[in-house]
C-alpha atoms as a PDB file:
ATOM      1  CA  MET A   1       0.000   0.000   0.000  1.00  0.00           C
ATOM      2  CA  ASN A   2       2.762   2.432   0.827  1.00  0.00           C
ATOM      3  CA  PHE A   3       4.194   1.960  -2.675  1.00  0.00           C
ATOM      4  CA  VAL A   4       0.818   2.761  -4.308  1.00  0.00           C
ATOM      5  CA  LYS A   5       0.261   5.893  -2.214  1.00  0.00           C
ATOM      6  CA  ARG A   6       3.760   7.138  -2.938  1.00  0.00           C
ATOM      7  CA  ASN A   7       3.248   6.642  -6.683  1.00  0.00           C
ATOM      8  CA  GLN A   8      -0.117   8.415  -6.520  1.00  0.00           C
ATOM      9  CA  ARG A   9       1.494  11.399  -4.811  1.00  0.00           C
ATOM     10  CA  LEU A  10       4.347  11.427  -7.298  1.00  0.00           C
ATOM     11  CA  LEU A  11       1.952  11.343 -10.251  1.00  0.00           C
ATOM     12  CA  SER A  12      -0.169  14.110  -8.699  1.00  0.00           C
ATOM     13  CA  PHE A  13       2.936  16.235  -8.218  1.00  0.00           C
ATOM     14  CA  ILE A  14       4.055  15.661 -11.833  1.00  0.00           C
ATOM     15  CA  PHE A  15       0.569  16.588 -13.041  1.00  0.00           C
ATOM     16  CA  LEU A  16       0.648  19.850 -11.064  1.00  0.00           C
ATOM     17  CA  LEU A  17       4.112  20.692 -12.418  1.00  0.00           C
ATOM     18  CA  ALA A  18       2.838  20.124 -15.957  1.00  0.00           C
ATOM     19  CA  LEU A  19       0.130  22.735 -15.395  1.00  0.00           C
ATOM     20  CA  ILE A  20       2.434  25.465 -14.049  1.00  0.00           C
ATOM     21  CA  PRO A  21       4.407  26.292 -17.235  1.00  0.00           C
ATOM     22  CA  ALA A  22       1.209  26.735 -19.262  1.00  0.00           C
ATOM     23  CA  SER A  23       0.560  30.017 -17.520  1.00  0.00           C
ATOM     24  CA  ALA A  24       4.206  31.076 -17.823  1.00  0.00           C
ATOM     25  CA  SER A  25       4.135  31.474 -21.614  1.00  0.00           C
ATOM     26  CA  ALA A  26       5.053  34.905 -22.876  1.00  0.00           C
ATOM     27  CA  VAL A  27       5.664  35.329 -26.592  1.00  0.00           C
ATOM     28  CA  THR A  28       6.025  38.563 -28.540  1.00  0.00           C
ATOM     29  CA  ILE A  29       5.313  38.477 -32.276  1.00  0.00           C
ATOM     30  CA  THR A  30       6.192  41.516 -34.386  1.00  0.00           C
ATOM     31  CA  ILE A  31       4.653  41.831 -37.850  1.00  0.00           C
ATOM     32  CA  SER A  32       6.243  44.492 -40.042  1.00  0.00           C
ATOM     33  CA  ALA A  33       6.622  45.693 -43.626  1.00  0.00           C
ATOM     34  CA  LEU A  34       7.941  48.774 -45.401  1.00  0.00           C
ATOM     35  CA  SER A  35       4.581  50.099 -46.627  1.00  0.00           C
ATOM     36  CA  ASP A  36       0.850  49.428 -46.788  1.00  0.00           C
ATOM     37  CA  SER A  37       1.190  48.013 -50.307  1.00  0.00           C
ATOM     38  CA  ALA A  38       3.872  45.471 -49.317  1.00  0.00           C
ATOM     39  CA  THR A  39       2.874  41.856 -49.851  1.00  0.00           C
ATOM     40  CA  GLU A  40       5.921  40.496 -48.008  1.00  0.00           C
ATOM     41  CA  ILE A  41       5.777  40.794 -44.242  1.00  0.00           C
ATOM     42  CA  THR A  42       8.468  40.053 -41.691  1.00  0.00           C
ATOM     43  CA  LEU A  43       7.551  38.191 -38.518  1.00  0.00           C
ATOM     44  CA  THR A  44       9.858  38.245 -35.512  1.00  0.00           C
ATOM     45  CA  ALA A  45       9.237  36.000 -32.515  1.00  0.00           C
ATOM     46  CA  THR A  46      10.794  36.101 -29.041  1.00  0.00           C
ATOM     47  CA  GLY A  47       9.929  34.552 -25.706  1.00  0.00           C
ATOM     48  CA  THR A  48       8.991  31.280 -24.097  1.00  0.00           C
ATOM     49  CA  TYR A  49       5.995  29.154 -24.987  1.00  0.00           C
ATOM     50  CA  TYR A  50       4.576  25.996 -23.438  1.00  0.00           C
ATOM     51  CA  PHE A  51       3.472  23.371 -25.967  1.00  0.00           C
ATOM     52  CA  ALA A  52       1.196  20.474 -24.975  1.00  0.00           C
ATOM     53  CA  ASN A  53       1.714  18.016 -27.858  1.00  0.00           C
ATOM     54  CA  GLU A  54       0.878  20.802 -30.312  1.00  0.00           C
ATOM     55  CA  TYR A  55       2.111  22.084 -33.667  1.00  0.00           C
ATOM     56  CA  ASP A  56       1.228  25.719 -32.997  1.00  0.00           C
ATOM     57  CA  ILE A  57       1.915  28.763 -30.948  1.00  0.00           C
ATOM     58  CA  LEU A  58      -1.662  29.959 -30.665  1.00  0.00           C
ATOM     59  CA  LEU A  59      -2.469  33.480 -29.548  1.00  0.00           C
ATOM     60  CA  TRP A  60      -6.223  33.187 -29.129  1.00  0.00           C
ATOM     61  CA  SER A  61      -8.301  36.388 -29.320  1.00  0.00           C
ATOM     62  CA  ILE A  62      -5.159  38.554 -29.170  1.00  0.00           C
ATOM     63  CA  GLY A  63      -6.946  41.707 -30.348  1.00  0.00           C
ATOM     64  CA  ASN A  64      -8.029  43.486 -33.508  1.00  0.00           C
ATOM     65  CA  TYR A  65      -4.663  43.288 -35.330  1.00  0.00           C
ATOM     66  CA  VAL A  66      -6.267  42.316 -38.676  1.00  0.00           C
ATOM     67  CA  ALA A  67      -8.433  44.889 -40.503  1.00  0.00           C
ATOM     68  CA  GLU A  68     -11.973  43.858 -41.468  1.00  0.00           C
ATOM     69  CA  ASP A  69     -10.887  43.299 -45.094  1.00  0.00           C
ATOM     70  CA  GLY A  70      -7.712  41.462 -44.023  1.00  0.00           C
ATOM     71  CA  PRO A  71      -6.776  37.782 -44.004  1.00  0.00           C
ATOM     72  CA  ASN A  72      -9.447  35.592 -42.443  1.00  0.00           C
ATOM     73  CA  ALA A  73      -8.412  32.022 -41.583  1.00  0.00           C
ATOM     74  CA  TYR A  74      -5.454  31.908 -43.998  1.00  0.00           C
ATOM     75  CA  TYR A  75      -2.143  30.080 -43.667  1.00  0.00           C
ATOM     76  CA  ALA A  76       0.869  31.737 -45.314  1.00  0.00           C
ATOM     77  CA  ASN A  77       4.187  29.904 -45.783  1.00  0.00           C
ATOM     78  CA  LEU A  78       7.187  31.213 -43.829  1.00  0.00           C
ATOM     79  CA  SER A  79      10.810  31.380 -44.849  1.00  0.00           C
ATOM     80  CA  ALA A  80      13.250  29.661 -42.483  1.00  0.00           C
ATOM     81  CA  GLY A  81      14.239  31.639 -39.418  1.00  0.00           C
ATOM     82  CA  ILE A  82      11.836  31.288 -36.472  1.00  0.00           C
ATOM     83  CA  LEU A  83      12.825  28.427 -34.190  1.00  0.00           C
ATOM     84  CA  ALA A  84      11.474  26.794 -31.028  1.00  0.00           C
ATOM     85  CA  ASN A  85      14.475  24.967 -29.515  1.00  0.00           C
ATOM     86  CA  GLY A  86      15.731  24.169 -33.027  1.00  0.00           C
ATOM     87  CA  VAL A  87      12.363  23.256 -34.597  1.00  0.00           C
ATOM     88  CA  ALA A  88      11.455  25.604 -37.478  1.00  0.00           C
ATOM     89  CA  ALA A  89       8.146  27.418 -37.890  1.00  0.00           C
ATOM     90  CA  THR A  90       6.789  26.674 -41.378  1.00  0.00           C
ATOM     91  CA  LYS A  91       3.554  28.691 -41.601  1.00  0.00           C
ATOM     92  CA  THR A  92       1.664  31.529 -39.994  1.00  0.00           C
ATOM     93  CA  TYR A  93      -2.091  31.609 -39.564  1.00  0.00           C
ATOM     94  CA  LEU A  94      -3.792  35.002 -39.783  1.00  0.00           C
ATOM     95  CA  ASP A  95      -7.405  35.182 -38.666  1.00  0.00           C
ATOM     96  CA  ASN A  96      -9.844  38.099 -38.578  1.00  0.00           C
ATOM     97  CA  ASP A  97     -12.617  37.060 -36.220  1.00  0.00           C
ATOM     98  CA  GLY A  98     -14.071  40.569 -35.944  1.00  0.00           C
ATOM     99  CA  GLY A  99     -14.823  42.432 -32.755  1.00  0.00           C
ATOM    100  CA  GLY A 100     -11.203  42.435 -31.578  1.00  0.00           C
ATOM    101  CA  ASN A 101     -10.984  38.646 -31.249  1.00  0.00           C
ATOM    102  CA  ASP A 102      -8.418  37.947 -33.981  1.00  0.00           C
ATOM    103  CA  ASP A 103      -6.272  34.822 -33.635  1.00  0.00           C
ATOM    104  CA  PHE A 104      -2.620  34.315 -34.581  1.00  0.00           C
ATOM    105  CA  LYS A 105      -0.624  31.094 -35.012  1.00  0.00           C
ATOM    106  CA  LEU A 106       2.886  30.027 -35.825  1.00  0.00           C
ATOM    107  CA  ARG A 107       2.892  26.427 -37.103  1.00  0.00           C
ATOM    108  CA  PHE A 108       5.948  24.247 -36.493  1.00  0.00           C
ATOM    109  CA  GLY A 109       7.099  21.200 -38.449  1.00  0.00           C
ATOM    110  CA  THR A 110       6.507  18.732 -35.622  1.00  0.00           C
ATOM    111  CA  ARG A 111       4.472  18.339 -32.448  1.00  0.00           C
ATOM    112  CA  LEU A 112       6.147  19.929 -29.454  1.00  0.00           C
ATOM    113  CA  TRP A 113       5.776  19.197 -25.752  1.00  0.00           C
ATOM    114  CA  GLY A 114       7.084  21.315 -22.897  1.00  0.00           C
ATOM    115  CA  SER A 115       8.569  24.765 -22.497  1.00  0.00           C
ATOM    116  CA  TYR A 116      10.441  26.109 -25.545  1.00  0.00           C
ATOM    117  CA  THR A 117      12.483  29.220 -26.185  1.00  0.00           C
ATOM    118  CA  VAL A 118      11.179  30.850 -29.364  1.00  0.00           C
ATOM    119  CA  SER A 119      13.290  33.277 -31.398  1.00  0.00           C
ATOM    120  CA  GLY A 120      14.121  34.461 -34.890  1.00  0.00           C
ATOM    121  CA  SER A 121      12.684  36.218 -37.924  1.00  0.00           C
ATOM    122  CA  ALA A 122      11.027  34.949 -41.087  1.00  0.00           C
ATOM    123  CA  THR A 123       9.110  36.379 -44.025  1.00  0.00           C
ATOM    124  CA  ALA A 124       5.683  35.491 -45.386  1.00  0.00           C
ATOM    125  CA  ASP A 125       4.349  36.368 -48.830  1.00  0.00           C
ATOM    126  CA  LEU A 126       0.767  37.633 -48.572  1.00  0.00           C
ATOM    127  CA  SER A 127       0.291  37.905 -52.340  1.00  0.00           C
ATOM    128  CA  GLY A 128      -0.487  34.171 -52.510  1.00  0.00           C
ATOM    129  CA  ILE A 129      -3.499  34.717 -50.240  1.00  0.00           C
ATOM    130  CA  GLY A 130      -4.508  38.009 -51.899  1.00  0.00           C
ATOM    131  CA  HIS A 131      -3.587  40.448 -49.128  1.00  0.00           C
ATOM    132  CA  THR A 132      -1.184  43.273 -48.239  1.00  0.00           C
ATOM    133  CA  PHE A 133       0.338  44.752 -45.087  1.00  0.00           C
ATOM    134  CA  GLY A 134      -2.211  47.582 -45.353  1.00  0.00           C
ATOM    135  CA  GLN A 135      -4.852  45.110 -44.150  1.00  0.00           C
ATOM    136  CA  PHE A 136      -3.344  45.005 -40.650  1.00  0.00           C
ATOM    137  CA  ASN A 137      -4.038  47.510 -37.882  1.00  0.00           C
ATOM    138  CA  ILE A 138      -0.883  49.232 -36.604  1.00  0.00           C
ATOM    139  CA  GLY A 139      -0.613  48.832 -32.819  1.00  0.00           C
ATOM    140  CA  THR A 140       0.251  46.606 -29.879  1.00  0.00           C
ATOM    141  CA  TYR A 141      -2.136  43.842 -28.837  1.00  0.00           C
ATOM    142  CA  GLU A 142      -1.701  41.931 -25.571  1.00  0.00           C
ATOM    143  CA  ASP A 143      -3.422  39.045 -23.847  1.00  0.00           C
ATOM    144  CA  GLY A 144      -2.203  36.949 -20.934  1.00  0.00           C
ATOM    145  CA  GLY A 145       1.467  37.904 -21.359  1.00  0.00           C
ATOM    146  CA  ASP A 146       1.491  37.285 -25.123  1.00  0.00           C
ATOM    147  CA  THR A 147       1.884  40.255 -27.466  1.00  0.00           C
ATOM    148  CA  VAL A 148       1.407  40.968 -31.178  1.00  0.00           C
ATOM    149  CA  ILE A 149       2.981  44.189 -32.465  1.00  0.00           C
ATOM    150  CA  VAL A 150       2.102  45.476 -35.934  1.00  0.00           C
ATOM    151  CA  GLN A 151       4.456  48.217 -37.144  1.00  0.00           C
ATOM    152  CA  TYR A 152       6.210  49.614 -40.166  1.00  0.00           C
ATOM    153  CA  SER A 153       9.768  48.402 -40.777  1.00  0.00           C
ATOM    154  CA  SER A 154      12.482  50.932 -40.174  1.00  0.00           C
ATOM    155  CA  VAL A 155      14.151  52.064 -43.379  1.00  0.00           C
ATOM    156  CA  PRO A 156      17.815  53.036 -43.316  1.00  0.00           C
ATOM    157  CA  ASP A 157      18.404  56.702 -44.120  1.00  0.00           C
ATOM    158  CA  THR A 158      20.456  56.299 -47.300  1.00  0.00           C
ATOM    159  CA  GLY A 159      20.782  60.055 -47.842  1.00  0.00           C
ATOM    160  CA  SER A 160      22.702  60.722 -44.635  1.00  0.00           C
ATOM    161  CA  THR A 161      24.748  57.549 -45.104  1.00  0.00           C
ATOM    162  CA  ALA A 162      25.820  58.716 -48.581  1.00  0.00           C
ATOM    163  CA  ALA A 163      26.666  62.185 -47.237  1.00  0.00           C
ATOM    164  CA  LEU A 164      28.766  60.661 -44.446  1.00  0.00           C
ATOM    165  CA  LEU A 165      30.644  58.486 -46.947  1.00  0.00           C
ATOM    166  CA  GLY A 166      31.250  61.525 -49.135  1.00  0.00           C
ATOM    167  CA  VAL A 167      32.740  63.466 -46.207  1.00  0.00           C
ATOM    168  CA  GLY A 168      34.913  60.449 -45.367  1.00  0.00           C
ATOM    169  CA  VAL A 169      36.262  60.253 -48.936  1.00  0.00           C
ATOM    170  CA  PHE A 170      36.972  64.000 -48.905  1.00  0.00           C
ATOM    171  CA  VAL A 171      38.851  63.757 -45.576  1.00  0.00           C
ATOM    172  CA  LEU A 172      40.909  60.815 -46.827  1.00  0.00           C
ATOM    173  CA  ALA A 173      41.784  62.639 -50.053  1.00  0.00           C
ATOM    174  CA  ALA A 174      42.824  65.760 -48.104  1.00  0.00           C
ATOM    175  CA  ALA A 175      44.917  63.692 -45.691  1.00  0.00           C
ATOM    176  CA  ARG A 176      46.614  61.878 -48.567  1.00  0.00           C
ATOM    177  CA  ARG A 177      47.475  65.174 -50.252  1.00  0.00           C
ATOM    178  CA  ARG A 178      49.036  66.547 -47.026  1.00  0.00           C
ATOM    179  CA  LEU A 179      51.023  63.414 -46.351  1.00  0.00           C
ATOM    180  CA  GLY A 180      52.559  63.290 -49.648  1.00  0.00           C
END
């Protein structure tokens, strides 16, 4: 009897430990593109997520990040780059449920179980599903520690970079002339 009770307690303890990490998930997904007309979006993922024999990071009812005319229940293929402990995300699911209840998923190539560190960036082509970046609502959407950020990509200022290079070339030419 003592053996049975001890095993029951051990199994109960393991069950309770399995429930704890589920509430400790905190993933941030950033969706960005250069302009409203862009059909290629960049997704960046960071954080920790608890999988329970699942293929997906699912951010359920994360907020109104998809415009009313935006993607509704579409999967878009991802380039390589977002990993959960070495397992690559292969698709993203974009879902406009209306009323601020939009869902977001990252689909991985295999079922995962346990707590995983998620990181990396990948691109998705929206032209195959008939949409553009302009059909997302710019903003930050949070629920239960998970976050989706929709923003424009930063564009390097090529004008000031060219001016700085020009000044550098001038300084080098002047220094060369003085030195000989």
